Amino acid sequence: MMVAAVLASYAMVAVVVLPRLLSREEWAERAPRLAIAVWLAACASVVASAIFSALAVAIPASVIGHGLAGFFEACADVLSDGAALNSPVARAALAGPV
């Protein structure tokens, strides 16, 4: 939940502060392509942080964590001896969500 709050806070601060900072810069007149790239990067960071904040709220961390742990365990077993692929848990972890 802390990640969602930090991402949402960043999005809100960026929406308020970045336009004010970028609109009064003099370098934007000297390098308009760079100014456009900075504006697009700022917009993309706000949109991405808003999307990831919503995902962090919607998807519990335990769901992601247990799935990744099973996947990494299966990968470690495959790399060590390869015999662990016979277990249904390893097959499910490597197959991913169905």
N, C-alpha and C. Protein backbone atom coordinates (compact mmCIF):
# COMPACT_ATOMS: atom_id res chain seq x y z
N MET A 1 0.82 -1.19 0.00
CA MET A 1 0.00 0.00 0.00
C MET A 1 0.87 1.26 0.00
N MET A 2 2.05 1.14 0.57
CA MET A 2 2.95 2.29 0.62
C MET A 2 3.43 2.66 -0.79
N VAL A 3 3.65 1.66 -1.62
CA VAL A 3 4.09 1.92 -2.99
C VAL A 3 3.02 2.69 -3.75
N ALA A 4 1.78 2.30 -3.58
CA ALA A 4 0.69 2.98 -4.26
C ALA A 4 0.60 4.44 -3.82
N ALA A 5 0.79 4.69 -2.53
CA ALA A 5 0.72 6.06 -2.03
C ALA A 5 1.87 6.91 -2.57
N VAL A 6 3.05 6.33 -2.64
CA VAL A 6 4.21 7.08 -3.16
C VAL A 6 4.02 7.38 -4.65
N LEU A 7 3.57 6.40 -5.40
CA LEU A 7 3.36 6.62 -6.84
C LEU A 7 2.25 7.65 -7.09
N ALA A 8 1.18 7.58 -6.33
CA ALA A 8 0.09 8.54 -6.50
C ALA A 8 0.55 9.94 -6.09
N SER A 9 1.34 10.03 -5.03
CA SER A 9 1.87 11.33 -4.61
C SER A 9 2.78 11.92 -5.67
N TYR A 10 3.64 11.07 -6.24
CA TYR A 10 4.51 11.56 -7.31
C TYR A 10 3.69 12.07 -8.49
N ALA A 11 2.66 11.35 -8.86
CA ALA A 11 1.84 11.77 -9.99
C ALA A 11 1.18 13.12 -9.72
N MET A 12 0.67 13.30 -8.51
CA MET A 12 0.01 14.57 -8.19
C MET A 12 1.00 15.72 -8.16
N VAL A 13 2.16 15.50 -7.56
CA VAL A 13 3.17 16.57 -7.49
C VAL A 13 3.70 16.88 -8.89
N ALA A 14 3.92 15.86 -9.68
CA ALA A 14 4.44 16.07 -11.03
C ALA A 14 3.44 16.83 -11.90
N VAL A 15 2.17 16.55 -11.75
CA VAL A 15 1.15 17.25 -12.54
C VAL A 15 1.12 18.74 -12.19
N VAL A 16 1.38 19.07 -10.94
CA VAL A 16 1.34 20.47 -10.52
C VAL A 16 2.66 21.18 -10.80
N VAL A 17 3.77 20.53 -10.49
CA VAL A 17 5.07 21.21 -10.51
C VAL A 17 5.73 21.21 -11.89
N LEU A 18 5.70 20.09 -12.60
CA LEU A 18 6.43 20.00 -13.86
C LEU A 18 6.00 21.01 -14.92
N PRO A 19 4.71 21.25 -15.12
CA PRO A 19 4.36 22.27 -16.13
C PRO A 19 4.89 23.66 -15.77
N ARG A 20 4.89 23.99 -14.49
CA ARG A 20 5.41 25.30 -14.08
C ARG A 20 6.91 25.40 -14.31
N LEU A 21 7.61 24.32 -14.02
CA LEU A 21 9.05 24.33 -14.21
C LEU A 21 9.43 24.34 -15.69
N LEU A 22 8.74 23.56 -16.48
CA LEU A 22 9.12 23.44 -17.88
C LEU A 22 8.67 24.61 -18.74
N SER A 23 7.63 25.31 -18.34
CA SER A 23 7.12 26.40 -19.18
C SER A 23 7.97 27.66 -19.06
N ARG A 24 8.68 27.85 -17.99
CA ARG A 24 9.44 29.08 -17.84
C ARG A 24 10.93 28.91 -18.15
N GLU A 25 11.31 27.79 -18.66
CA GLU A 25 12.72 27.56 -19.00
C GLU A 25 13.07 28.22 -20.34
N GLU A 26 14.23 28.83 -20.39
CA GLU A 26 14.68 29.50 -21.61
C GLU A 26 15.31 28.54 -22.60
N TRP A 27 15.79 27.41 -22.12
CA TRP A 27 16.44 26.45 -23.01
C TRP A 27 15.43 25.83 -23.97
N ALA A 28 14.16 25.89 -23.63
CA ALA A 28 13.13 25.31 -24.50
C ALA A 28 13.06 26.05 -25.84
N GLU A 29 13.37 27.33 -25.83
CA GLU A 29 13.38 28.09 -27.08
C GLU A 29 14.61 27.78 -27.91
N ARG A 30 15.72 27.48 -27.24
CA ARG A 30 16.96 27.17 -27.97
C ARG A 30 16.97 25.74 -28.49
N ALA A 31 16.33 24.83 -27.77
CA ALA A 31 16.31 23.41 -28.16
C ALA A 31 14.89 22.88 -28.10
N PRO A 32 14.08 23.18 -29.11
CA PRO A 32 12.67 22.79 -29.06
C PRO A 32 12.46 21.28 -29.10
N ARG A 33 13.32 20.54 -29.79
CA ARG A 33 13.16 19.08 -29.81
C ARG A 33 13.41 18.49 -28.44
N LEU A 34 14.41 19.01 -27.76
CA LEU A 34 14.68 18.55 -26.40
C LEU A 34 13.52 18.91 -25.48
N ALA A 35 12.95 20.08 -25.65
CA ALA A 35 11.80 20.49 -24.83
C ALA A 35 10.61 19.56 -25.05
N ILE A 36 10.37 19.20 -26.30
CA ILE A 36 9.27 18.27 -26.58
C ILE A 36 9.54 16.92 -25.96
N ALA A 37 10.79 16.46 -26.05
CA ALA A 37 11.14 15.16 -25.45
C ALA A 37 10.98 15.19 -23.94
N VAL A 38 11.35 16.29 -23.31
CA VAL A 38 11.19 16.41 -21.85
C VAL A 38 9.72 16.43 -21.48
N TRP A 39 8.90 17.16 -22.22
CA TRP A 39 7.46 17.19 -21.96
C TRP A 39 6.85 15.80 -22.10
N LEU A 40 7.24 15.08 -23.16
CA LEU A 40 6.70 13.74 -23.36
C LEU A 40 7.15 12.78 -22.26
N ALA A 41 8.40 12.90 -21.84
CA ALA A 41 8.90 12.06 -20.75
C ALA A 41 8.16 12.37 -19.45
N ALA A 42 7.89 13.64 -19.20
CA ALA A 42 7.15 14.01 -18.00
C ALA A 42 5.73 13.46 -18.04
N CYS A 43 5.10 13.57 -19.19
CA CYS A 43 3.74 13.03 -19.33
C CYS A 43 3.72 11.52 -19.18
N ALA A 44 4.68 10.85 -19.78
CA ALA A 44 4.74 9.40 -19.68
C ALA A 44 5.00 8.95 -18.25
N SER A 45 5.84 9.69 -17.51
CA SER A 45 6.10 9.29 -16.13
C SER A 45 4.87 9.47 -15.25
N VAL A 46 4.09 10.50 -15.51
CA VAL A 46 2.86 10.71 -14.72
C VAL A 46 1.84 9.61 -15.03
N VAL A 47 1.67 9.31 -16.31
CA VAL A 47 0.71 8.27 -16.69
C VAL A 47 1.14 6.91 -16.15
N ALA A 48 2.43 6.59 -16.27
CA ALA A 48 2.93 5.31 -15.78
C ALA A 48 2.79 5.20 -14.27
N SER A 49 3.10 6.27 -13.55
CA SER A 49 2.97 6.20 -12.09
C SER A 49 1.51 6.07 -11.67
N ALA A 50 0.60 6.69 -12.39
CA ALA A 50 -0.82 6.54 -12.07
C ALA A 50 -1.30 5.11 -12.34
N ILE A 51 -0.86 4.54 -13.46
CA ILE A 51 -1.26 3.16 -13.78
C ILE A 51 -0.68 2.18 -12.77
N PHE A 52 0.62 2.33 -12.45
CA PHE A 52 1.24 1.41 -11.49
C PHE A 52 0.69 1.60 -10.08
N SER A 53 0.27 2.81 -9.75
CA SER A 53 -0.37 3.03 -8.45
C SER A 53 -1.70 2.29 -8.38
N ALA A 54 -2.48 2.37 -9.45
CA ALA A 54 -3.75 1.65 -9.48
C ALA A 54 -3.54 0.14 -9.43
N LEU A 55 -2.52 -0.35 -10.14
CA LEU A 55 -2.22 -1.78 -10.09
C LEU A 55 -1.75 -2.22 -8.71
N ALA A 56 -0.98 -1.37 -8.05
CA ALA A 56 -0.50 -1.71 -6.71
C ALA A 56 -1.66 -1.80 -5.71
N VAL A 57 -2.69 -1.01 -5.94
CA VAL A 57 -3.86 -1.07 -5.06
C VAL A 57 -4.73 -2.28 -5.42
N ALA A 58 -4.86 -2.56 -6.71
CA ALA A 58 -5.78 -3.60 -7.15
C ALA A 58 -5.24 -5.01 -6.95
N ILE A 59 -3.94 -5.20 -7.09
CA ILE A 59 -3.36 -6.54 -7.01
C ILE A 59 -2.59 -6.67 -5.70
N PRO A 60 -2.97 -7.60 -4.85
CA PRO A 60 -2.24 -7.77 -3.58
C PRO A 60 -0.81 -8.24 -3.83
N ALA A 61 0.10 -7.78 -3.00
CA ALA A 61 1.51 -8.14 -3.15
C ALA A 61 1.74 -9.63 -2.91
N SER A 62 0.91 -10.25 -2.09
CA SER A 62 1.11 -11.67 -1.80
C SER A 62 0.85 -12.53 -3.03
N VAL A 63 -0.06 -12.10 -3.89
CA VAL A 63 -0.34 -12.85 -5.12
C VAL A 63 0.88 -12.83 -6.03
N ILE A 64 1.47 -11.67 -6.19
CA ILE A 64 2.63 -11.53 -7.05
C ILE A 64 3.83 -12.21 -6.43
N GLY A 65 4.01 -12.03 -5.14
CA GLY A 65 5.17 -12.59 -4.46
C GLY A 65 5.22 -14.10 -4.46
N HIS A 66 4.09 -14.75 -4.18
CA HIS A 66 4.08 -16.21 -4.15
C HIS A 66 4.27 -16.80 -5.54
N GLY A 67 3.70 -16.18 -6.54
CA GLY A 67 3.89 -16.66 -7.90
C GLY A 67 5.34 -16.56 -8.36
N LEU A 68 5.97 -15.44 -8.03
CA LEU A 68 7.38 -15.28 -8.40
C LEU A 68 8.27 -16.23 -7.63
N ALA A 69 7.95 -16.45 -6.36
CA ALA A 69 8.76 -17.37 -5.56
C ALA A 69 8.70 -18.78 -6.13
N GLY A 70 7.52 -19.22 -6.52
CA GLY A 70 7.38 -20.54 -7.12
C GLY A 70 8.11 -20.65 -8.44
N PHE A 71 8.05 -19.58 -9.23
CA PHE A 71 8.74 -19.58 -10.52
C PHE A 71 10.25 -19.66 -10.34
N PHE A 72 10.80 -18.87 -9.43
CA PHE A 72 12.24 -18.88 -9.21
C PHE A 72 12.70 -20.19 -8.59
N GLU A 73 11.87 -20.78 -7.75
CA GLU A 73 12.21 -22.08 -7.17
C GLU A 73 12.27 -23.15 -8.26
N ALA A 74 11.31 -23.12 -9.16
CA ALA A 74 11.31 -24.09 -10.27
C ALA A 74 12.51 -23.87 -11.18
N CYS A 75 12.86 -22.61 -11.44
CA CYS A 75 14.03 -22.33 -12.28
C CYS A 75 15.31 -22.81 -11.61
N ALA A 76 15.43 -22.61 -10.31
CA ALA A 76 16.62 -23.08 -9.60
C ALA A 76 16.71 -24.59 -9.62
N ASP A 77 15.57 -25.26 -9.49
CA ASP A 77 15.58 -26.73 -9.56
C ASP A 77 15.98 -27.22 -10.94
N VAL A 78 15.49 -26.55 -11.97
CA VAL A 78 15.83 -26.96 -13.33
C VAL A 78 17.32 -26.76 -13.58
N LEU A 79 17.86 -25.66 -13.08
CA LEU A 79 19.28 -25.40 -13.30
C LEU A 79 20.18 -26.33 -12.48
N SER A 80 19.67 -26.78 -11.34
CA SER A 80 20.52 -27.64 -10.49
C SER A 80 20.57 -29.07 -11.00
N ASP A 81 19.42 -29.72 -11.19
CA ASP A 81 19.46 -31.11 -11.65
C ASP A 81 18.40 -31.46 -12.69
N GLY A 82 17.38 -30.65 -12.82
CA GLY A 82 16.37 -30.90 -13.83
C GLY A 82 15.31 -31.91 -13.45
N ALA A 83 15.44 -32.55 -12.30
CA ALA A 83 14.49 -33.58 -11.91
C ALA A 83 13.21 -33.00 -11.31
N ALA A 84 13.22 -31.72 -10.98
CA ALA A 84 12.07 -31.13 -10.29
C ALA A 84 10.91 -30.84 -11.24
N LEU A 85 11.10 -30.98 -12.52
CA LEU A 85 10.01 -30.71 -13.45
C LEU A 85 8.91 -31.75 -13.37
N ASN A 86 9.12 -32.83 -12.67
CA ASN A 86 8.10 -33.86 -12.53
C ASN A 86 7.01 -33.46 -11.54
N SER A 87 7.27 -32.44 -10.70
CA SER A 87 6.28 -32.04 -9.72
C SER A 87 5.24 -31.12 -10.37
N PRO A 88 3.98 -31.25 -9.97
CA PRO A 88 2.94 -30.40 -10.55
C PRO A 88 3.11 -28.93 -10.19
N VAL A 89 3.72 -28.64 -9.04
CA VAL A 89 3.93 -27.24 -8.64
C VAL A 89 4.91 -26.57 -9.60
N ALA A 90 5.97 -27.27 -9.96
CA ALA A 90 6.96 -26.70 -10.89
C ALA A 90 6.35 -26.50 -12.26
N ARG A 91 5.55 -27.44 -12.70
CA ARG A 91 4.91 -27.27 -14.01
C ARG A 91 3.96 -26.09 -14.01
N ALA A 92 3.21 -25.92 -12.93
CA ALA A 92 2.27 -24.80 -12.84
C ALA A 92 3.02 -23.46 -12.77
N ALA A 93 4.14 -23.44 -12.06
CA ALA A 93 4.91 -22.20 -11.95
C ALA A 93 5.52 -21.81 -13.28
N LEU A 94 6.01 -22.77 -14.03
CA LEU A 94 6.60 -22.47 -15.31
C LEU A 94 5.56 -22.19 -16.38
N ALA A 95 4.37 -22.74 -16.24
CA ALA A 95 3.32 -22.51 -17.22
C ALA A 95 2.71 -21.13 -17.07
N GLY A 96 2.70 -20.59 -15.86
CA GLY A 96 2.12 -19.28 -15.63
C GLY A 96 0.61 -19.38 -15.44
N PRO A 97 -0.04 -18.22 -15.34
CA PRO A 97 -1.50 -18.23 -15.16
C PRO A 97 -2.20 -18.76 -16.40
N VAL A 98 -3.23 -19.52 -16.15
CA VAL A 98 -3.98 -20.13 -17.25
C VAL A 98 -5.28 -19.40 -17.46
